[in-house]
Structure formats: C-alpha cells, structure tokens
Amino acid sequence: MAGEHGKLKILFLCTGNSCRSQMAEGWARHLKNDRIEAYSGGVDPHPVDPRAVRAMSEAGVDISSQVSKDVDTFESIEFDYVITLCEKANRSCPVFPAKTRLVHVAFDDPPRLAAEAHSEEEAMAPYRRVRDEIREFVEKLPEILTEEDR
C-alpha cells in the first residue's frame, strides 16, 4: 500500500495547518524521508505559526518554507494514511478513498497554551514540548501504523 518508490503517502491534518501538522510534516521529511512521502493540510488553513518555525529550527529542522494548505488541494492524491492531530480536524475530516486509513493522534494546541504566557520564553514552552512529542510519534512511523492494521 505504498506510493512511489515504496514510500507511504501520509497526510498530517489539523484545523489550521499552522503548527502541529506543519511540525509533523517537517519531522517526517527530516527523519523518515526514505520511507514516508509527507504532506500537511488543514480544514481551515491559517498562516504557518512563527513560533512553530522557531521551535523546529531550534531542533535543527527548517520548516520556514512550508506553507499552509487547504486539505482540498490534495483531492487528486491517494494517501495511504491521513493522520489527524487535533480533535476538530478529526471531527470534520473530509472523506477519503476507501483505501486510505484514518488515524487520530491528538496533541495539545501550542498557540492556545501559549495565549496566557507572560513572556516569549514562557510562550515557547508548549511549542517545544509538543514539538518533541510529535517527534517521538514520527520516529515510530510507519511501524506504529502498520501494527494497527493487523
């Protein structure tokens, strides 16, 4: 069930495609480019969050050239997996072809958690934590997905 060159085509889907899904795409390209063809999109896209770019840069991954994309722009691509990363995207996930496996893995929303921060450093803390949690998840790909299929 893999795409071109034996890679799995995975879409990381979030509401705004501004933070979590962008981080997941960045990690997948950085860590698993030999096995995963990574994409990210949103059901209501917003510009990429500068703090997400900063957090990823601190970890050695450049996502500054990534752009937010509407999930509808991918309707011609047959994904092996669509992974929703937030509750709203999971609830409003569009319909994909039957062969596409839908997986939900929720991560906290860094912008929401940072909203009450009293300093930029304090605001960055949830971004760094969620960045690291997403990295741990991506490091287990694709094995964690294929285990669920059994």
C-alpha atoms as a PDB file:
ATOM      1  CA  MET A   1       0.000   0.000   0.000  1.00  0.00           C
ATOM      2  CA  ALA A   2       2.918   2.340  -0.594  1.00  0.00           C
ATOM      3  CA  GLY A   3       3.230   5.106  -3.156  1.00  0.00           C
ATOM      4  CA  GLU A   4       6.071   5.989  -5.476  1.00  0.00           C
ATOM      5  CA  HIS A   5       9.419   4.389  -4.628  1.00  0.00           C
ATOM      6  CA  GLY A   6       7.779   2.266  -1.914  1.00  0.00           C
ATOM      7  CA  LYS A   7       7.116   5.275   0.319  1.00  0.00           C
ATOM      8  CA  LEU A   8       3.900   5.615   2.280  1.00  0.00           C
ATOM      9  CA  LYS A   9       1.946   8.754   1.422  1.00  0.00           C
ATOM     10  CA  ILE A  10       0.867  10.350   4.686  1.00  0.00           C
ATOM     11  CA  LEU A  11      -1.197  13.499   5.166  1.00  0.00           C
ATOM     12  CA  PHE A  12      -0.929  15.142   8.591  1.00  0.00           C
ATOM     13  CA  LEU A  13      -4.185  17.002   9.096  1.00  0.00           C
ATOM     14  CA  CYS A  14      -5.023  19.717  11.610  1.00  0.00           C
ATOM     15  CA  THR A  15      -7.558  22.505  11.716  1.00  0.00           C
ATOM     16  CA  GLY A  16      -5.344  25.418  10.683  1.00  0.00           C
ATOM     17  CA  ASN A  17      -2.283  23.637   9.241  1.00  0.00           C
ATOM     18  CA  SER A  18      -0.277  26.289  11.052  1.00  0.00           C
ATOM     19  CA  CYS A  19       1.503  24.420  13.835  1.00  0.00           C
ATOM     20  CA  ARG A  20       1.128  20.715  14.728  1.00  0.00           C
ATOM     21  CA  SER A  21       0.631  19.364  11.214  1.00  0.00           C
ATOM     22  CA  GLN A  22       3.473  21.559   9.949  1.00  0.00           C
ATOM     23  CA  MET A  23       5.753  20.157  12.665  1.00  0.00           C
ATOM     24  CA  ALA A  24       4.720  16.600  11.819  1.00  0.00           C
ATOM     25  CA  GLU A  25       5.396  17.146   8.112  1.00  0.00           C
ATOM     26  CA  GLY A  26       8.778  18.665   8.962  1.00  0.00           C
ATOM     27  CA  TRP A  27       9.740  15.783  11.243  1.00  0.00           C
ATOM     28  CA  ALA A  28       8.599  13.166   8.719  1.00  0.00           C
ATOM     29  CA  ARG A  29      10.630  14.777   5.948  1.00  0.00           C
ATOM     30  CA  HIS A  30      13.633  15.138   8.266  1.00  0.00           C
ATOM     31  CA  LEU A  31      13.555  11.719   9.928  1.00  0.00           C
ATOM     32  CA  LYS A  32      11.691   9.406   7.552  1.00  0.00           C
ATOM     33  CA  ASN A  33      12.128  10.815   4.046  1.00  0.00           C
ATOM     34  CA  ASP A  34      13.324   7.407   2.832  1.00  0.00           C
ATOM     35  CA  ARG A  35      10.031   5.743   3.888  1.00  0.00           C
ATOM     36  CA  ILE A  36       7.384   8.455   4.005  1.00  0.00           C
ATOM     37  CA  GLU A  37       6.148  10.985   1.475  1.00  0.00           C
ATOM     38  CA  ALA A  38       4.825  13.588   3.913  1.00  0.00           C
ATOM     39  CA  TYR A  39       2.176  16.237   3.400  1.00  0.00           C
ATOM     40  CA  SER A  40       0.257  18.515   5.739  1.00  0.00           C
ATOM     41  CA  GLY A  41      -3.037  20.302   5.358  1.00  0.00           C
ATOM     42  CA  GLY A  42      -5.848  21.948   7.239  1.00  0.00           C
ATOM     43  CA  VAL A  43      -9.616  22.029   7.193  1.00  0.00           C
ATOM     44  CA  ASP A  44      -9.474  25.823   7.840  1.00  0.00           C
ATOM     45  CA  PRO A  45      -5.884  26.858   6.965  1.00  0.00           C
ATOM     46  CA  HIS A  46      -4.069  29.759   8.627  1.00  0.00           C
ATOM     47  CA  PRO A  47      -0.507  31.041   8.013  1.00  0.00           C
ATOM     48  CA  VAL A  48       2.310  28.935   9.452  1.00  0.00           C
ATOM     49  CA  ASP A  49       2.897  29.892  13.089  1.00  0.00           C
ATOM     50  CA  PRO A  50       6.274  31.681  13.518  1.00  0.00           C
ATOM     51  CA  ARG A  51       6.737  30.029  16.921  1.00  0.00           C
ATOM     52  CA  ALA A  52       6.335  26.594  15.312  1.00  0.00           C
ATOM     53  CA  VAL A  53       9.029  27.572  12.801  1.00  0.00           C
ATOM     54  CA  ARG A  54      11.251  28.741  15.669  1.00  0.00           C
ATOM     55  CA  ALA A  55      10.709  25.612  17.761  1.00  0.00           C
ATOM     56  CA  MET A  56      11.525  23.345  14.831  1.00  0.00           C
ATOM     57  CA  SER A  57      14.583  25.430  13.917  1.00  0.00           C
ATOM     58  CA  GLU A  58      15.867  25.026  17.476  1.00  0.00           C
ATOM     59  CA  ALA A  59      15.692  21.261  16.898  1.00  0.00           C
ATOM     60  CA  GLY A  60      17.562  21.523  13.596  1.00  0.00           C
ATOM     61  CA  VAL A  61      14.577  21.242  11.236  1.00  0.00           C
ATOM     62  CA  ASP A  62      13.786  24.102   8.856  1.00  0.00           C
ATOM     63  CA  ILE A  63      10.074  24.423   8.096  1.00  0.00           C
ATOM     64  CA  SER A  64      10.278  28.121   7.177  1.00  0.00           C
ATOM     65  CA  SER A  65       9.500  27.423   3.510  1.00  0.00           C
ATOM     66  CA  GLN A  66       6.434  25.281   4.268  1.00  0.00           C
ATOM     67  CA  VAL A  67       3.080  26.894   3.575  1.00  0.00           C
ATOM     68  CA  SER A  68      -0.369  26.263   4.949  1.00  0.00           C
ATOM     69  CA  LYS A  69      -2.576  24.284   2.565  1.00  0.00           C
ATOM     70  CA  ASP A  70      -6.275  23.521   2.412  1.00  0.00           C
ATOM     71  CA  VAL A  71      -6.985  19.797   2.554  1.00  0.00           C
ATOM     72  CA  ASP A  72      -8.993  20.165  -0.669  1.00  0.00           C
ATOM     73  CA  THR A  73      -5.775  20.835  -2.609  1.00  0.00           C
ATOM     74  CA  PHE A  74      -4.905  17.159  -2.139  1.00  0.00           C
ATOM     75  CA  GLU A  75      -8.042  15.610  -3.637  1.00  0.00           C
ATOM     76  CA  SER A  76      -6.050  14.143  -6.549  1.00  0.00           C
ATOM     77  CA  ILE A  77      -3.547  12.388  -4.241  1.00  0.00           C
ATOM     78  CA  GLU A  78      -4.300   8.910  -2.923  1.00  0.00           C
ATOM     79  CA  PHE A  79      -2.934   8.769   0.599  1.00  0.00           C
ATOM     80  CA  ASP A  80      -2.099   5.584   2.443  1.00  0.00           C
ATOM     81  CA  TYR A  81      -2.809   7.328   5.752  1.00  0.00           C
ATOM     82  CA  VAL A  82      -4.430  10.530   6.938  1.00  0.00           C
ATOM     83  CA  ILE A  83      -3.379  11.309  10.490  1.00  0.00           C
ATOM     84  CA  THR A  84      -5.491  13.891  12.308  1.00  0.00           C
ATOM     85  CA  LEU A  85      -3.603  15.696  15.051  1.00  0.00           C
ATOM     86  CA  CYS A  86      -6.398  17.663  16.707  1.00  0.00           C
ATOM     87  CA  GLU A  87      -9.961  16.951  17.770  1.00  0.00           C
ATOM     88  CA  LYS A  88     -11.605  19.450  15.420  1.00  0.00           C
ATOM     89  CA  ALA A  89      -9.826  18.021  12.365  1.00  0.00           C
ATOM     90  CA  ASN A  90     -10.772  14.531  13.498  1.00  0.00           C
ATOM     91  CA  ARG A  91     -14.459  15.513  13.754  1.00  0.00           C
ATOM     92  CA  SER A  92     -14.530  17.423  10.457  1.00  0.00           C
ATOM     93  CA  CYS A  93     -12.174  15.212   8.471  1.00  0.00           C
ATOM     94  CA  PRO A  94     -13.211  15.074   4.821  1.00  0.00           C
ATOM     95  CA  VAL A  95     -13.996  11.777   3.152  1.00  0.00           C
ATOM     96  CA  PHE A  96     -11.049   9.991   1.581  1.00  0.00           C
ATOM     97  CA  PRO A  97     -10.979   6.934  -0.702  1.00  0.00           C
ATOM     98  CA  ALA A  98     -11.669   3.595   0.978  1.00  0.00           C
ATOM     99  CA  LYS A  99      -8.018   2.506   0.781  1.00  0.00           C
ATOM    100  CA  THR A 100      -6.947   5.481   2.904  1.00  0.00           C
ATOM    101  CA  ARG A 101      -6.562   4.609   6.565  1.00  0.00           C
ATOM    102  CA  LEU A 102      -7.613   7.326   9.015  1.00  0.00           C
ATOM    103  CA  VAL A 103      -5.681   7.562  12.268  1.00  0.00           C
ATOM    104  CA  HIS A 104      -6.215  10.061  15.070  1.00  0.00           C
ATOM    105  CA  VAL A 105      -3.374  11.063  17.388  1.00  0.00           C
ATOM    106  CA  ALA A 106      -4.184  14.152  19.461  1.00  0.00           C
ATOM    107  CA  PHE A 107      -1.537  16.651  20.505  1.00  0.00           C
ATOM    108  CA  ASP A 108      -2.060  19.758  22.632  1.00  0.00           C
ATOM    109  CA  ASP A 109      -2.513  23.067  20.790  1.00  0.00           C
ATOM    110  CA  PRO A 110       0.599  25.213  21.443  1.00  0.00           C
ATOM    111  CA  PRO A 111      -0.958  28.573  20.425  1.00  0.00           C
ATOM    112  CA  ARG A 112      -3.858  28.020  22.836  1.00  0.00           C
ATOM    113  CA  LEU A 113      -1.475  27.034  25.649  1.00  0.00           C
ATOM    114  CA  ALA A 114       0.813  29.998  24.922  1.00  0.00           C
ATOM    115  CA  ALA A 115      -2.017  32.551  24.932  1.00  0.00           C
ATOM    116  CA  GLU A 116      -1.666  33.289  28.645  1.00  0.00           C
ATOM    117  CA  ALA A 117       2.144  33.399  28.673  1.00  0.00           C
ATOM    118  CA  HIS A 118       3.831  36.383  30.316  1.00  0.00           C
ATOM    119  CA  SER A 119       6.990  36.231  28.191  1.00  0.00           C
ATOM    120  CA  GLU A 120       8.137  34.919  24.834  1.00  0.00           C
ATOM    121  CA  GLU A 121      10.202  32.261  26.567  1.00  0.00           C
ATOM    122  CA  GLU A 122       7.168  31.096  28.534  1.00  0.00           C
ATOM    123  CA  ALA A 123       5.124  31.073  25.304  1.00  0.00           C
ATOM    124  CA  MET A 124       7.691  28.856  23.602  1.00  0.00           C
ATOM    125  CA  ALA A 125       7.494  26.121  26.275  1.00  0.00           C
ATOM    126  CA  PRO A 126       4.356  24.394  24.902  1.00  0.00           C
ATOM    127  CA  TYR A 127       5.712  24.623  21.358  1.00  0.00           C
ATOM    128  CA  ARG A 128       8.901  22.858  22.389  1.00  0.00           C
ATOM    129  CA  ARG A 129       7.028  20.187  24.356  1.00  0.00           C
ATOM    130  CA  VAL A 130       4.571  19.424  21.555  1.00  0.00           C
ATOM    131  CA  ARG A 131       7.427  19.516  19.002  1.00  0.00           C
ATOM    132  CA  ASP A 132       9.224  16.827  20.983  1.00  0.00           C
ATOM    133  CA  GLU A 133       6.037  14.750  21.426  1.00  0.00           C
ATOM    134  CA  ILE A 134       5.386  14.872  17.681  1.00  0.00           C
ATOM    135  CA  ARG A 135       8.989  13.862  17.021  1.00  0.00           C
ATOM    136  CA  GLU A 136       8.562  10.815  19.279  1.00  0.00           C
ATOM    137  CA  PHE A 137       5.440   9.842  17.342  1.00  0.00           C
ATOM    138  CA  VAL A 138       7.046  10.348  13.926  1.00  0.00           C
ATOM    139  CA  GLU A 139      10.101   8.325  14.982  1.00  0.00           C
ATOM    140  CA  LYS A 140       7.752   5.309  15.372  1.00  0.00           C
ATOM    141  CA  LEU A 141       6.353   5.704  11.851  1.00  0.00           C
ATOM    142  CA  PRO A 142       5.441   3.808   9.810  1.00  0.00           C
ATOM    143  CA  GLU A 143       5.674   0.742  12.042  1.00  0.00           C
ATOM    144  CA  ILE A 144       3.154   2.044  14.576  1.00  0.00           C
ATOM    145  CA  LEU A 145       0.624   2.468  11.743  1.00  0.00           C
ATOM    146  CA  THR A 146       1.110  -0.943  10.171  1.00  0.00           C
ATOM    147  CA  GLU A 147       0.807  -2.581  13.614  1.00  0.00           C
ATOM    148  CA  GLU A 148      -2.666  -1.050  13.908  1.00  0.00           C
ATOM    149  CA  ASP A 149      -3.650  -2.602  10.575  1.00  0.00           C
ATOM    150  CA  ARG A 150      -3.106  -6.160  11.830  1.00  0.00           C
END
